[in-house]
């Protein structure tokens, strides 16, 4: 198996169709694709026959917090083909995403939310939980926070700055104004 990545808009049609099918099976009723304003990048784990074993999207935007502007990235739509689950493929792809983001000089941190039971999966791939942190998504006019009633979310992150300790502290136990828009409401 091999990992490939490219801008979502440049994904070959056959691969894009497979990703859309995987996402539709995992999240029925969700629309395909991501907001182009977030510069979505597809990352895929492909079998030798070009079957998509797992996929995810990397989304990008700037976040202003604690008097600083950070280049932020998030993982979205992480999915493994149902017949291949339990083999470590999703973890392999998430680890590859972390490595790609860490190598990108424009990315200061990767930050996203997940369902609480998935936290150990993301922690194993290098995205520790930020205790008490809440992402505020949606838009300023129509916010959606990870601590909204009915959600059981945690926020995970990896910091790629020269001195990550103070940045981790700035993002711990606070409400982060993510505001990715109405398409990728919590990315």
Protein backbone atom coordinates (compact mmCIF):
# COMPACT_ATOMS: atom_id res chain seq x y z
CA UNK A 1 0.00 0.00 0.00
CA UNK A 2 1.11 3.54 -0.68
CA UNK A 3 0.06 7.01 0.45
CA UNK A 4 -0.69 9.66 -2.15
CA UNK A 5 -1.83 13.23 -1.72
CA UNK A 6 -3.03 16.06 -3.92
CA UNK A 7 -5.40 19.02 -3.83
CA UNK A 8 -8.95 17.70 -3.56
CA UNK A 9 -9.90 19.43 -6.83
CA UNK A 10 -7.11 17.56 -8.67
CA UNK A 11 -8.01 14.08 -7.43
CA UNK A 12 -8.49 11.74 -10.43
CA UNK A 13 -12.17 10.95 -11.06
CA UNK A 14 -11.94 7.26 -10.19
CA UNK A 15 -10.28 7.95 -6.87
CA UNK A 16 -12.67 10.83 -6.10
CA UNK A 17 -15.61 8.48 -6.74
CA UNK A 18 -14.19 5.91 -4.31
CA UNK A 19 -13.64 8.56 -1.64
CA UNK A 20 -17.19 9.85 -2.09
CA UNK A 21 -18.53 6.30 -1.71
CA UNK A 22 -16.51 5.68 1.46
CA UNK A 23 -17.66 8.98 2.97
CA UNK A 24 -21.31 8.36 2.00
CA UNK A 25 -21.20 4.95 3.69
CA UNK A 26 -19.66 6.43 6.86
CA UNK A 27 -21.77 9.61 7.01
CA UNK A 28 -25.04 9.11 5.07
CA UNK A 29 -26.52 12.38 3.89
CA UNK A 30 -23.31 14.38 4.16
CA UNK A 31 -22.32 16.28 1.05
CA UNK A 32 -19.18 15.27 -0.80
CA UNK A 33 -16.11 17.47 -0.80
CA UNK A 34 -14.93 20.34 1.33
CA UNK A 35 -15.03 24.12 1.23
CA UNK A 36 -12.48 25.30 -1.36
CA UNK A 37 -11.69 28.27 0.91
CA UNK A 38 -9.99 25.77 3.25
CA UNK A 39 -7.60 24.57 0.49
CA UNK A 40 -8.62 20.91 0.94
CA UNK A 41 -5.95 18.32 0.24
CA UNK A 42 -6.85 14.65 -0.14
CA UNK A 43 -4.60 12.05 1.39
CA UNK A 44 -5.27 8.46 0.38
CA UNK A 45 -3.91 5.04 1.27
CA UNK A 46 -4.08 2.99 -1.92
CA UNK A 47 -3.83 -0.75 -2.43
CA UNK A 48 -1.73 -2.06 -5.33
CA UNK A 49 -4.83 -2.09 -7.58
CA UNK A 50 -5.60 1.59 -6.73
CA UNK A 51 -8.45 0.69 -4.42
CA UNK A 52 -8.78 3.39 -1.78
CA UNK A 53 -8.20 1.62 1.53
CA UNK A 54 -8.46 4.79 3.63
CA UNK A 55 -8.82 8.50 3.01
CA UNK A 56 -8.84 11.81 4.81
CA UNK A 57 -8.87 15.49 3.98
CA UNK A 58 -6.42 18.09 5.22
CA UNK A 59 -7.97 21.54 5.64
CA UNK A 60 -6.06 24.78 6.16
CA UNK A 61 -6.72 28.26 7.56
CA UNK A 62 -5.24 30.86 9.85
CA UNK A 63 -6.37 31.07 13.46
CA UNK A 64 -5.88 34.13 15.64
CA UNK A 65 -5.37 33.27 19.30
CA UNK A 66 -3.45 34.78 22.22
CA UNK A 67 -2.27 37.74 20.14
CA UNK A 68 -0.75 35.58 17.42
CA UNK A 69 -1.81 34.26 14.03
CA UNK A 70 -1.18 30.55 13.52
CA UNK A 71 -1.13 28.56 10.29
CA UNK A 72 -3.52 25.76 11.23
CA UNK A 73 -4.49 22.51 9.60
CA UNK A 74 -7.14 19.99 10.49
CA UNK A 75 -8.00 16.44 9.59
CA UNK A 76 -11.48 15.81 8.29
CA UNK A 77 -13.47 12.88 6.91
CA UNK A 78 -11.04 10.22 8.14
CA UNK A 79 -12.42 6.90 6.91
CA UNK A 80 -11.20 3.36 6.26
CA UNK A 81 -12.94 0.96 3.90
CA UNK A 82 -15.23 -1.14 6.13
CA UNK A 83 -13.82 -4.45 4.86
CA UNK A 84 -10.29 -3.35 5.80
CA UNK A 85 -10.88 -1.95 9.28
CA UNK A 86 -8.92 -3.29 12.21
CA UNK A 87 -5.66 -3.66 10.27
CA UNK A 88 -4.01 -0.38 11.29
CA UNK A 89 -4.55 1.26 7.90
CA UNK A 90 -6.36 4.31 9.27
CA UNK A 91 -3.61 4.83 11.83
CA UNK A 92 -1.00 4.55 9.09
CA UNK A 93 -2.76 7.24 7.05
CA UNK A 94 -3.27 9.58 10.04
CA UNK A 95 0.42 9.20 10.94
CA UNK A 96 1.33 10.05 7.33
CA UNK A 97 -0.89 13.14 7.54
CA UNK A 98 0.89 14.24 10.71
CA UNK A 99 4.28 13.81 9.04
CA UNK A 100 3.16 15.81 6.00
CA UNK A 101 1.84 18.64 8.15
CA UNK A 102 4.98 18.68 10.31
CA UNK A 103 7.09 19.10 7.16
CA UNK A 104 5.00 22.03 5.87
CA UNK A 105 6.62 25.33 6.96
CA UNK A 106 3.27 27.13 6.65
CA UNK A 107 1.65 24.90 9.29
CA UNK A 108 2.20 25.80 12.94
CA UNK A 109 -0.25 23.25 14.31
CA UNK A 110 -2.77 20.60 13.44
CA UNK A 111 -5.96 20.91 15.45
CA UNK A 112 -9.27 19.07 15.15
CA UNK A 113 -11.99 17.40 17.15
CA UNK A 114 -13.04 13.79 17.32
CA UNK A 115 -15.58 11.68 19.15
CA UNK A 116 -14.24 10.94 22.64
CA UNK A 117 -13.89 7.16 22.03
CA UNK A 118 -11.57 7.90 19.06
CA UNK A 119 -9.09 9.94 21.12
CA UNK A 120 -6.71 6.97 21.75
CA UNK A 121 -6.58 6.31 17.99
CA UNK A 122 -5.48 9.88 17.25
CA UNK A 123 -3.15 10.01 20.25
CA UNK A 124 -1.35 6.90 18.93
CA UNK A 125 -0.77 8.77 15.66
CA UNK A 126 0.78 11.78 17.44
CA UNK A 127 -2.23 13.99 18.18
CA UNK A 128 -2.61 14.28 21.98
CA UNK A 129 -5.81 15.56 23.57
CA UNK A 130 -5.90 19.23 24.60
CA UNK A 131 -7.71 19.04 27.96
CA UNK A 132 -10.59 21.46 28.29
CA UNK A 133 -10.16 22.92 24.81
CA UNK A 134 -13.28 23.65 22.75
CA UNK A 135 -13.31 24.36 19.02
CA UNK A 136 -15.89 26.91 17.94
CA UNK A 137 -16.77 26.16 14.35
CA UNK A 138 -19.40 27.29 11.92
CA UNK A 139 -19.36 31.06 11.53
CA UNK A 140 -19.36 33.90 14.09
CA UNK A 141 -23.04 34.45 13.23
CA UNK A 142 -23.90 30.72 13.50
CA UNK A 143 -21.30 29.11 15.76
CA UNK A 144 -21.09 25.39 16.45
CA UNK A 145 -18.93 24.39 19.39
CA UNK A 146 -17.52 20.99 20.25
CA UNK A 147 -19.12 21.28 23.69
CA UNK A 148 -22.61 21.79 22.27
CA UNK A 149 -25.39 19.69 23.83
CA UNK A 150 -25.37 16.16 22.43
CA UNK A 151 -21.71 16.23 21.40
CA UNK A 152 -19.13 14.05 23.10
CA UNK A 153 -16.05 15.55 21.46
CA UNK A 154 -12.46 16.13 22.46
CA UNK A 155 -9.91 18.34 20.74
CA UNK A 156 -6.58 16.86 19.67
CA UNK A 157 -3.54 18.70 18.35
CA UNK A 158 0.09 18.54 17.30
CA UNK A 159 2.34 21.60 17.39
CA UNK A 160 5.09 22.17 14.83
CA UNK A 161 6.49 25.53 15.96
CA UNK A 162 10.10 25.99 17.09
CA UNK A 163 9.06 26.16 20.74
CA UNK A 164 5.79 24.20 20.94
CA UNK A 165 5.34 24.27 24.74
CA UNK A 166 4.01 27.83 25.00
CA UNK A 167 1.79 27.31 21.96
CA UNK A 168 0.33 24.12 23.46
CA UNK A 169 -0.33 26.08 26.66
CA UNK A 170 -2.07 28.86 24.69
CA UNK A 171 -4.42 26.30 23.11
CA UNK A 172 -5.16 24.29 26.27
CA UNK A 173 -8.38 24.84 28.19
CA UNK A 174 -9.65 27.64 25.92
CA UNK A 175 -12.32 28.20 23.31
CA UNK A 176 -10.60 28.34 19.92
CA UNK A 177 -12.35 30.52 17.29
CA UNK A 178 -11.92 28.15 14.33
CA UNK A 179 -14.90 29.37 12.23
CA UNK A 180 -14.27 27.26 9.10
CA UNK A 181 -17.66 28.15 7.62
CA UNK A 182 -20.87 26.24 6.97
CA UNK A 183 -19.51 23.40 4.83
CA UNK A 184 -16.85 22.02 7.18
CA UNK A 185 -18.48 23.27 10.34
CA UNK A 186 -16.07 21.63 12.78
CA UNK A 187 -13.51 20.29 10.35
